[in-house]
PDB file of all heavy atoms in Angstrom:
ATOM      1  N   ILE A   1     -23.432  58.735 -39.139  1.00  0.00           N
ATOM      2  CA  ILE A   1     -24.308  58.555 -40.311  1.00  0.00           C
ATOM      3  C   ILE A   1     -25.608  59.326 -40.123  1.00  0.00           C
ATOM      4  O   ILE A   1     -26.090  59.994 -41.052  1.00  0.00           O
ATOM      5  CB  ILE A   1     -24.588  57.061 -40.538  1.00  0.00           C
ATOM      6  CG1 ILE A   1     -23.296  56.336 -40.946  1.00  0.00           C
ATOM      7  CG2 ILE A   1     -25.662  56.870 -41.605  1.00  0.00           C
ATOM      8  CD1 ILE A   1     -23.437  54.830 -41.012  1.00  0.00           C
ATOM      9  N   VAL A   2     -26.184  59.247 -38.911  1.00  0.00           N
ATOM     10  CA  VAL A   2     -27.419  59.986 -38.621  1.00  0.00           C
ATOM     11  C   VAL A   2     -27.201  61.481 -38.805  1.00  0.00           C
ATOM     12  O   VAL A   2     -28.022  62.184 -39.421  1.00  0.00           O
ATOM     13  CB  VAL A   2     -27.902  59.681 -37.182  1.00  0.00           C
ATOM     14  CG1 VAL A   2     -29.050  60.622 -36.793  1.00  0.00           C
ATOM     15  CG2 VAL A   2     -28.344  58.232 -37.057  1.00  0.00           C
ATOM     16  N   ALA A   3     -26.068  61.984 -38.291  1.00  0.00           N
ATOM     17  CA  ALA A   3     -25.761  63.412 -38.436  1.00  0.00           C
ATOM     18  C   ALA A   3     -25.627  63.796 -39.908  1.00  0.00           C
ATOM     19  O   ALA A   3     -26.103  64.852 -40.346  1.00  0.00           O
ATOM     20  CB  ALA A   3     -24.480  63.753 -37.681  1.00  0.00           C
ATOM     21  N   GLY A   4     -25.004  62.918 -40.687  1.00  0.00           N
ATOM     22  CA  GLY A   4     -24.861  63.187 -42.112  1.00  0.00           C
ATOM     23  C   GLY A   4     -26.202  63.256 -42.826  1.00  0.00           C
ATOM     24  O   GLY A   4     -26.426  64.144 -43.666  1.00  0.00           O
ATOM     25  N   VAL A   5     -27.090  62.334 -42.481  1.00  0.00           N
ATOM     26  CA  VAL A   5     -28.432  62.344 -43.079  1.00  0.00           C
ATOM     27  C   VAL A   5     -29.171  63.622 -42.695  1.00  0.00           C
ATOM     28  O   VAL A   5     -29.850  64.242 -43.536  1.00  0.00           O
ATOM     29  CB  VAL A   5     -29.228  61.099 -42.637  1.00  0.00           C
ATOM     30  CG1 VAL A   5     -30.686  61.205 -43.079  1.00  0.00           C
ATOM     31  CG2 VAL A   5     -28.595  59.829 -43.190  1.00  0.00           C
ATOM     32  N   VAL A   6     -29.041  64.043 -41.432  1.00  0.00           N
ATOM     33  CA  VAL A   6     -29.710  65.269 -40.971  1.00  0.00           C
ATOM     34  C   VAL A   6     -29.193  66.477 -41.749  1.00  0.00           C
ATOM     35  O   VAL A   6     -29.973  67.325 -42.207  1.00  0.00           O
ATOM     36  CB  VAL A   6     -29.486  65.471 -39.453  1.00  0.00           C
ATOM     37  CG1 VAL A   6     -29.949  66.866 -39.024  1.00  0.00           C
ATOM     38  CG2 VAL A   6     -30.223  64.403 -38.659  1.00  0.00           C
ATOM     39  N   VAL A   7     -27.873  66.559 -41.923  1.00  0.00           N
ATOM     40  CA  VAL A   7     -27.286  67.701 -42.638  1.00  0.00           C
ATOM     41  C   VAL A   7     -27.750  67.720 -44.095  1.00  0.00           C
ATOM     42  O   VAL A   7     -28.160  68.763 -44.618  1.00  0.00           O
ATOM     43  CB  VAL A   7     -25.746  67.641 -42.559  1.00  0.00           C
ATOM     44  CG1 VAL A   7     -25.123  68.674 -43.501  1.00  0.00           C
ATOM     45  CG2 VAL A   7     -25.270  67.883 -41.136  1.00  0.00           C
ATOM     46  N   ILE A   8     -27.681  66.563 -44.759  1.00  0.00           N
ATOM     47  CA  ILE A   8     -28.082  66.493 -46.171  1.00  0.00           C
ATOM     48  C   ILE A   8     -29.558  66.848 -46.329  1.00  0.00           C
ATOM     49  O   ILE A   8     -29.945  67.577 -47.248  1.00  0.00           O
ATOM     50  CB  ILE A   8     -27.796  65.095 -46.742  1.00  0.00           C
ATOM     51  CG1 ILE A   8     -26.282  64.858 -46.822  1.00  0.00           C
ATOM     52  CG2 ILE A   8     -28.422  64.930 -48.123  1.00  0.00           C
ATOM     53  CD1 ILE A   8     -25.904  63.440 -47.188  1.00  0.00           C
ATOM     54  N   THR A   9     -30.392  66.333 -45.402  1.00  0.00           N
ATOM     55  CA  THR A   9     -31.827  66.642 -45.455  1.00  0.00           C
ATOM     56  C   THR A   9     -32.069  68.126 -45.275  1.00  0.00           C
ATOM     57  O   THR A   9     -32.879  68.738 -45.994  1.00  0.00           O
ATOM     58  CB  THR A   9     -32.587  65.853 -44.373  1.00  0.00           C
ATOM     59  OG1 THR A   9     -32.339  64.456 -44.528  1.00  0.00           O
ATOM     60  CG2 THR A   9     -34.082  66.114 -44.463  1.00  0.00           C
ATOM     61  N   ALA A  10     -31.356  68.742 -44.315  1.00  0.00           N
ATOM     62  CA  ALA A  10     -31.521  70.177 -44.068  1.00  0.00           C
ATOM     63  C   ALA A  10     -31.089  71.001 -45.274  1.00  0.00           C
ATOM     64  O   ALA A  10     -31.768  71.956 -45.664  1.00  0.00           O
ATOM     65  CB  ALA A  10     -30.717  70.579 -42.835  1.00  0.00           C
ATOM     66  N   LEU A  11     -29.960  70.627 -45.894  1.00  0.00           N
ATOM     67  CA  LEU A  11     -29.476  71.356 -47.067  1.00  0.00           C
ATOM     68  C   LEU A  11     -30.442  71.216 -48.243  1.00  0.00           C
ATOM     69  O   LEU A  11     -30.660  72.162 -49.000  1.00  0.00           O
ATOM     70  CB  LEU A  11     -28.085  70.843 -47.461  1.00  0.00           C
ATOM     71  CG  LEU A  11     -26.950  71.150 -46.477  1.00  0.00           C
ATOM     72  CD1 LEU A  11     -25.654  70.468 -46.929  1.00  0.00           C
ATOM     73  CD2 LEU A  11     -26.737  72.660 -46.348  1.00  0.00           C
ATOM     74  N   THR A  12     -31.025  70.012 -48.382  1.00  0.00           N
ATOM     75  CA  THR A  12     -31.985  69.786 -49.469  1.00  0.00           C
ATOM     76  C   THR A  12     -33.250  70.603 -49.249  1.00  0.00           C
ATOM     77  O   THR A  12     -33.779  71.231 -50.178  1.00  0.00           O
ATOM     78  CB  THR A  12     -32.334  68.289 -49.574  1.00  0.00           C
ATOM     79  OG1 THR A  12     -31.134  67.540 -49.776  1.00  0.00           O
ATOM     80  CG2 THR A  12     -33.286  68.038 -50.722  1.00  0.00           C
ATOM     81  N   MET A  13     -33.756  70.591 -48.009  1.00  0.00           N
ATOM     82  CA  MET A  13     -34.981  71.335 -47.718  1.00  0.00           C
ATOM     83  C   MET A  13     -34.793  72.839 -47.858  1.00  0.00           C
ATOM     84  O   MET A  13     -35.735  73.553 -48.204  1.00  0.00           O
ATOM     85  CB  MET A  13     -35.465  70.986 -46.306  1.00  0.00           C
ATOM     86  CG  MET A  13     -35.971  69.561 -46.155  1.00  0.00           C
ATOM     87  SD  MET A  13     -36.416  69.169 -44.453  1.00  0.00           S
ATOM     88  CE  MET A  13     -37.701  70.376 -44.149  1.00  0.00           C
ATOM     89  N   SER A  14     -33.572  73.316 -47.606  1.00  0.00           N
ATOM     90  CA  SER A  14     -33.304  74.752 -47.728  1.00  0.00           C
ATOM     91  C   SER A  14     -33.019  75.169 -49.168  1.00  0.00           C
ATOM     92  O   SER A  14     -32.861  76.359 -49.451  1.00  0.00           O
ATOM     93  CB  SER A  14     -32.125  75.142 -46.834  1.00  0.00           C
ATOM     94  OG  SER A  14     -30.943  74.477 -47.249  1.00  0.00           O
ATOM     95  N   GLY A  15     -32.908  74.198 -50.066  1.00  0.00           N
ATOM     96  CA  GLY A  15     -32.676  74.509 -51.470  1.00  0.00           C
ATOM     97  C   GLY A  15     -31.230  74.635 -51.861  1.00  0.00           C
ATOM     98  O   GLY A  15     -30.910  74.897 -53.027  1.00  0.00           O
ATOM     99  N   ILE A  16     -30.320  74.436 -50.912  1.00  0.00           N
ATOM    100  CA  ILE A  16     -28.894  74.540 -51.215  1.00  0.00           C
ATOM    101  C   ILE A  16     -28.449  73.373 -52.091  1.00  0.00           C
ATOM    102  O   ILE A  16     -27.624  73.522 -52.982  1.00  0.00           O
ATOM    103  CB  ILE A  16     -28.064  74.590 -49.910  1.00  0.00           C
ATOM    104  CG1 ILE A  16     -28.441  75.850 -49.119  1.00  0.00           C
ATOM    105  CG2 ILE A  16     -26.571  74.558 -50.201  1.00  0.00           C
ATOM    106  CD1 ILE A  16     -27.790  75.928 -47.749  1.00  0.00           C
ATOM    107  N   ILE A  17     -29.012  72.186 -51.824  1.00  0.00           N
ATOM    108  CA  ILE A  17     -28.742  71.008 -52.640  1.00  0.00           C
ATOM    109  C   ILE A  17     -30.006  70.681 -53.422  1.00  0.00           C
ATOM    110  O   ILE A  17     -31.100  70.609 -52.846  1.00  0.00           O
ATOM    111  CB  ILE A  17     -28.346  69.792 -51.762  1.00  0.00           C
ATOM    112  CG1 ILE A  17     -27.036  70.070 -51.025  1.00  0.00           C
ATOM    113  CG2 ILE A  17     -28.206  68.538 -52.612  1.00  0.00           C
ATOM    114  CD1 ILE A  17     -26.621  68.937 -50.104  1.00  0.00           C
ATOM    115  N   SER A  18     -29.873  70.514 -54.724  1.00  0.00           N
ATOM    116  CA  SER A  18     -31.031  70.144 -55.536  1.00  0.00           C
ATOM    117  C   SER A  18     -31.266  68.636 -55.448  1.00  0.00           C
ATOM    118  O   SER A  18     -30.322  67.862 -55.291  1.00  0.00           O
ATOM    119  CB  SER A  18     -30.816  70.556 -56.995  1.00  0.00           C
ATOM    120  OG  SER A  18     -29.695  69.886 -57.533  1.00  0.00           O
ATOM    121  N   PHE A  19     -32.520  68.258 -55.560  1.00  0.00           N
ATOM    122  CA  PHE A  19     -32.887  66.845 -55.429  1.00  0.00           C
ATOM    123  C   PHE A  19     -33.759  66.450 -56.601  1.00  0.00           C
ATOM    124  O   PHE A  19     -34.895  66.908 -56.730  1.00  0.00           O
ATOM    125  CB  PHE A  19     -33.622  66.617 -54.100  1.00  0.00           C
ATOM    126  CG  PHE A  19     -34.173  65.225 -53.943  1.00  0.00           C
ATOM    127  CD1 PHE A  19     -33.333  64.126 -53.892  1.00  0.00           C
ATOM    128  CD2 PHE A  19     -35.547  65.015 -53.834  1.00  0.00           C
ATOM    129  CE1 PHE A  19     -33.840  62.840 -53.755  1.00  0.00           C
ATOM    130  CE2 PHE A  19     -36.063  63.736 -53.682  1.00  0.00           C
ATOM    131  CZ  PHE A  19     -35.196  62.652 -53.642  1.00  0.00           C
ATOM    132  N   ASP A  20     -33.202  65.623 -57.481  1.00  0.00           N
ATOM    133  CA  ASP A  20     -33.951  65.084 -58.612  1.00  0.00           C
ATOM    134  C   ASP A  20     -34.271  63.631 -58.290  1.00  0.00           C
ATOM    135  O   ASP A  20     -33.407  62.759 -58.420  1.00  0.00           O
ATOM    136  CB  ASP A  20     -33.123  65.186 -59.891  1.00  0.00           C
ATOM    137  CG  ASP A  20     -33.875  64.655 -61.109  1.00  0.00           C
ATOM    138  OD1 ASP A  20     -34.965  64.066 -60.937  1.00  0.00           O
ATOM    139  OD2 ASP A  20     -33.372  64.811 -62.236  1.00  0.00           O
ATOM    140  N   PRO A  21     -35.496  63.333 -57.834  1.00  0.00           N
ATOM    141  CA  PRO A  21     -35.807  61.974 -57.373  1.00  0.00           C
ATOM    142  C   PRO A  21     -35.631  60.910 -58.450  1.00  0.00           C
ATOM    143  O   PRO A  21     -35.235  59.789 -58.159  1.00  0.00           O
ATOM    144  CB  PRO A  21     -37.260  62.068 -56.907  1.00  0.00           C
ATOM    145  CG  PRO A  21     -37.809  63.303 -57.541  1.00  0.00           C
ATOM    146  CD  PRO A  21     -36.654  64.238 -57.697  1.00  0.00           C
ATOM    147  N   VAL A  22     -35.918  61.247 -59.701  1.00  0.00           N
ATOM    148  CA  VAL A  22     -35.780  60.260 -60.777  1.00  0.00           C
ATOM    149  C   VAL A  22     -34.312  59.889 -60.970  1.00  0.00           C
ATOM    150  O   VAL A  22     -33.953  58.706 -61.061  1.00  0.00           O
ATOM    151  CB  VAL A  22     -36.381  60.798 -62.093  1.00  0.00           C
ATOM    152  CG1 VAL A  22     -36.154  59.797 -63.214  1.00  0.00           C
ATOM    153  CG2 VAL A  22     -37.869  61.079 -61.922  1.00  0.00           C
ATOM    154  N   ALA A  23     -33.443  60.899 -61.007  1.00  0.00           N
ATOM    155  CA  ALA A  23     -32.010  60.634 -61.167  1.00  0.00           C
ATOM    156  C   ALA A  23     -31.459  59.862 -59.975  1.00  0.00           C
ATOM    157  O   ALA A  23     -30.685  58.911 -60.140  1.00  0.00           O
ATOM    158  CB  ALA A  23     -31.256  61.954 -61.339  1.00  0.00           C
ATOM    159  N   VAL A  24     -31.871  60.263 -58.775  1.00  0.00           N
ATOM    160  CA  VAL A  24     -31.406  59.569 -57.568  1.00  0.00           C
ATOM    161  C   VAL A  24     -31.857  58.115 -57.584  1.00  0.00           C
ATOM    162  O   VAL A  24     -31.091  57.202 -57.252  1.00  0.00           O
ATOM    163  CB  VAL A  24     -31.917  60.289 -56.298  1.00  0.00           C
ATOM    164  CG1 VAL A  24     -31.620  59.450 -55.049  1.00  0.00           C
ATOM    165  CG2 VAL A  24     -31.273  61.655 -56.166  1.00  0.00           C
ATOM    166  N   ALA A  25     -33.109  57.872 -57.978  1.00  0.00           N
ATOM    167  CA  ALA A  25     -33.629  56.504 -58.021  1.00  0.00           C
ATOM    168  C   ALA A  25     -32.824  55.650 -58.999  1.00  0.00           C
ATOM    169  O   ALA A  25     -32.530  54.482 -58.720  1.00  0.00           O
ATOM    170  CB  ALA A  25     -35.104  56.517 -58.414  1.00  0.00           C
ATOM    171  N   LYS A  26     -32.456  56.226 -60.142  1.00  0.00           N
ATOM    172  CA  LYS A  26     -31.656  55.481 -61.115  1.00  0.00           C
ATOM    173  C   LYS A  26     -30.293  55.107 -60.532  1.00  0.00           C
ATOM    174  O   LYS A  26     -29.831  53.962 -60.666  1.00  0.00           O
ATOM    175  CB  LYS A  26     -31.482  56.299 -62.393  1.00  0.00           C
ATOM    176  CG  LYS A  26     -32.762  56.450 -63.204  1.00  0.00           C
ATOM    177  CD  LYS A  26     -32.530  57.316 -64.437  1.00  0.00           C
ATOM    178  CE  LYS A  26     -33.811  57.464 -65.248  1.00  0.00           C
ATOM    179  NZ  LYS A  26     -33.621  58.366 -66.420  1.00  0.00           N
ATOM    180  N   TYR A  27     -29.639  56.062 -59.888  1.00  0.00           N
ATOM    181  CA  TYR A  27     -28.316  55.793 -59.303  1.00  0.00           C
ATOM    182  C   TYR A  27     -28.399  54.774 -58.171  1.00  0.00           C
ATOM    183  O   TYR A  27     -27.537  53.900 -58.036  1.00  0.00           O
ATOM    184  CB  TYR A  27     -27.688  57.094 -58.803  1.00  0.00           C
ATOM    185  CG  TYR A  27     -27.177  57.996 -59.898  1.00  0.00           C
ATOM    186  CD1 TYR A  27     -27.598  59.319 -59.989  1.00  0.00           C
ATOM    187  CD2 TYR A  27     -26.290  57.520 -60.858  1.00  0.00           C
ATOM    188  CE1 TYR A  27     -27.145  60.157 -61.005  1.00  0.00           C
ATOM    189  CE2 TYR A  27     -25.822  58.353 -61.875  1.00  0.00           C
ATOM    190  CZ  TYR A  27     -26.252  59.667 -61.946  1.00  0.00           C
ATOM    191  OH  TYR A  27     -25.793  60.483 -62.950  1.00  0.00           O
ATOM    192  N   VAL A  28     -29.444  54.885 -57.346  1.00  0.00           N
ATOM    193  CA  VAL A  28     -29.603  53.942 -56.227  1.00  0.00           C
ATOM    194  C   VAL A  28     -29.882  52.541 -56.758  1.00  0.00           C
ATOM    195  O   VAL A  28     -29.349  51.551 -56.230  1.00  0.00           O
ATOM    196  CB  VAL A  28     -30.727  54.413 -55.281  1.00  0.00           C
ATOM    197  CG1 VAL A  28     -31.035  53.342 -54.245  1.00  0.00           C
ATOM    198  CG2 VAL A  28     -30.328  55.709 -54.583  1.00  0.00           C
ATOM    199  N   ALA A  29     -30.712  52.428 -57.796  1.00  0.00           N
ATOM    200  CA  ALA A  29     -30.985  51.119 -58.390  1.00  0.00           C
ATOM    201  C   ALA A  29     -29.693  50.486 -58.903  1.00  0.00           C
ATOM    202  O   ALA A  29     -29.452  49.288 -58.711  1.00  0.00           O
ATOM    203  CB  ALA A  29     -32.007  51.247 -59.519  1.00  0.00           C
ATOM    204  N   ILE A  30     -28.858  51.297 -59.574  1.00  0.00           N
ATOM    205  CA  ILE A  30     -27.573  50.791 -60.070  1.00  0.00           C
ATOM    206  C   ILE A  30     -26.677  50.377 -58.904  1.00  0.00           C
ATOM    207  O   ILE A  30     -26.039  49.314 -58.930  1.00  0.00           O
ATOM    208  CB  ILE A  30     -26.879  51.866 -60.935  1.00  0.00           C
ATOM    209  CG1 ILE A  30     -27.668  52.094 -62.225  1.00  0.00           C
ATOM    210  CG2 ILE A  30     -25.438  51.453 -61.261  1.00  0.00           C
ATOM    211  CD1 ILE A  30     -27.192  53.296 -63.030  1.00  0.00           C
ATOM    212  N   ALA A  31     -26.642  51.217 -57.852  1.00  0.00           N
ATOM    213  CA  ALA A  31     -25.792  50.917 -56.698  1.00  0.00           C
ATOM    214  C   ALA A  31     -26.213  49.621 -56.019  1.00  0.00           C
ATOM    215  O   ALA A  31     -25.359  48.771 -55.693  1.00  0.00           O
ATOM    216  CB  ALA A  31     -25.853  52.077 -55.699  1.00  0.00           C
ATOM    217  N   PHE A  32     -27.519  49.438 -55.795  1.00  0.00           N
ATOM    218  CA  PHE A  32     -27.999  48.208 -55.154  1.00  0.00           C
ATOM    219  C   PHE A  32     -27.695  46.987 -56.024  1.00  0.00           C
ATOM    220  O   PHE A  32     -27.343  45.922 -55.504  1.00  0.00           O
ATOM    221  CB  PHE A  32     -29.508  48.304 -54.898  1.00  0.00           C
ATOM    222  CG  PHE A  32     -29.881  49.164 -53.722  1.00  0.00           C
ATOM    223  CD1 PHE A  32     -31.210  49.406 -53.400  1.00  0.00           C
ATOM    224  CD2 PHE A  32     -28.914  49.753 -52.925  1.00  0.00           C
ATOM    225  CE1 PHE A  32     -31.569  50.192 -52.321  1.00  0.00           C
ATOM    226  CE2 PHE A  32     -29.247  50.548 -51.835  1.00  0.00           C
ATOM    227  CZ  PHE A  32     -30.581  50.767 -51.542  1.00  0.00           C
ATOM    228  N   THR A  33     -27.834  47.143 -57.335  1.00  0.00           N
ATOM    229  CA  THR A  33     -27.553  46.025 -58.234  1.00  0.00           C
ATOM    230  C   THR A  33     -26.074  45.659 -58.203  1.00  0.00           C
ATOM    231  O   THR A  33     -25.715  44.468 -58.164  1.00  0.00           O
ATOM    232  CB  THR A  33     -27.968  46.378 -59.672  1.00  0.00           C
ATOM    233  OG1 THR A  33     -29.352  46.746 -59.686  1.00  0.00           O
ATOM    234  CG2 THR A  33     -27.761  45.201 -60.601  1.00  0.00           C
TER     235      THR A  33
END
């Protein structure tokens, strides 16, 4: 899991993966609920 978080973070910081915090927050709120 730690390795996965590191990879995702690296890809996001390099711009390969886009990160929309508002959209992510909505999905996480739904997931937690």
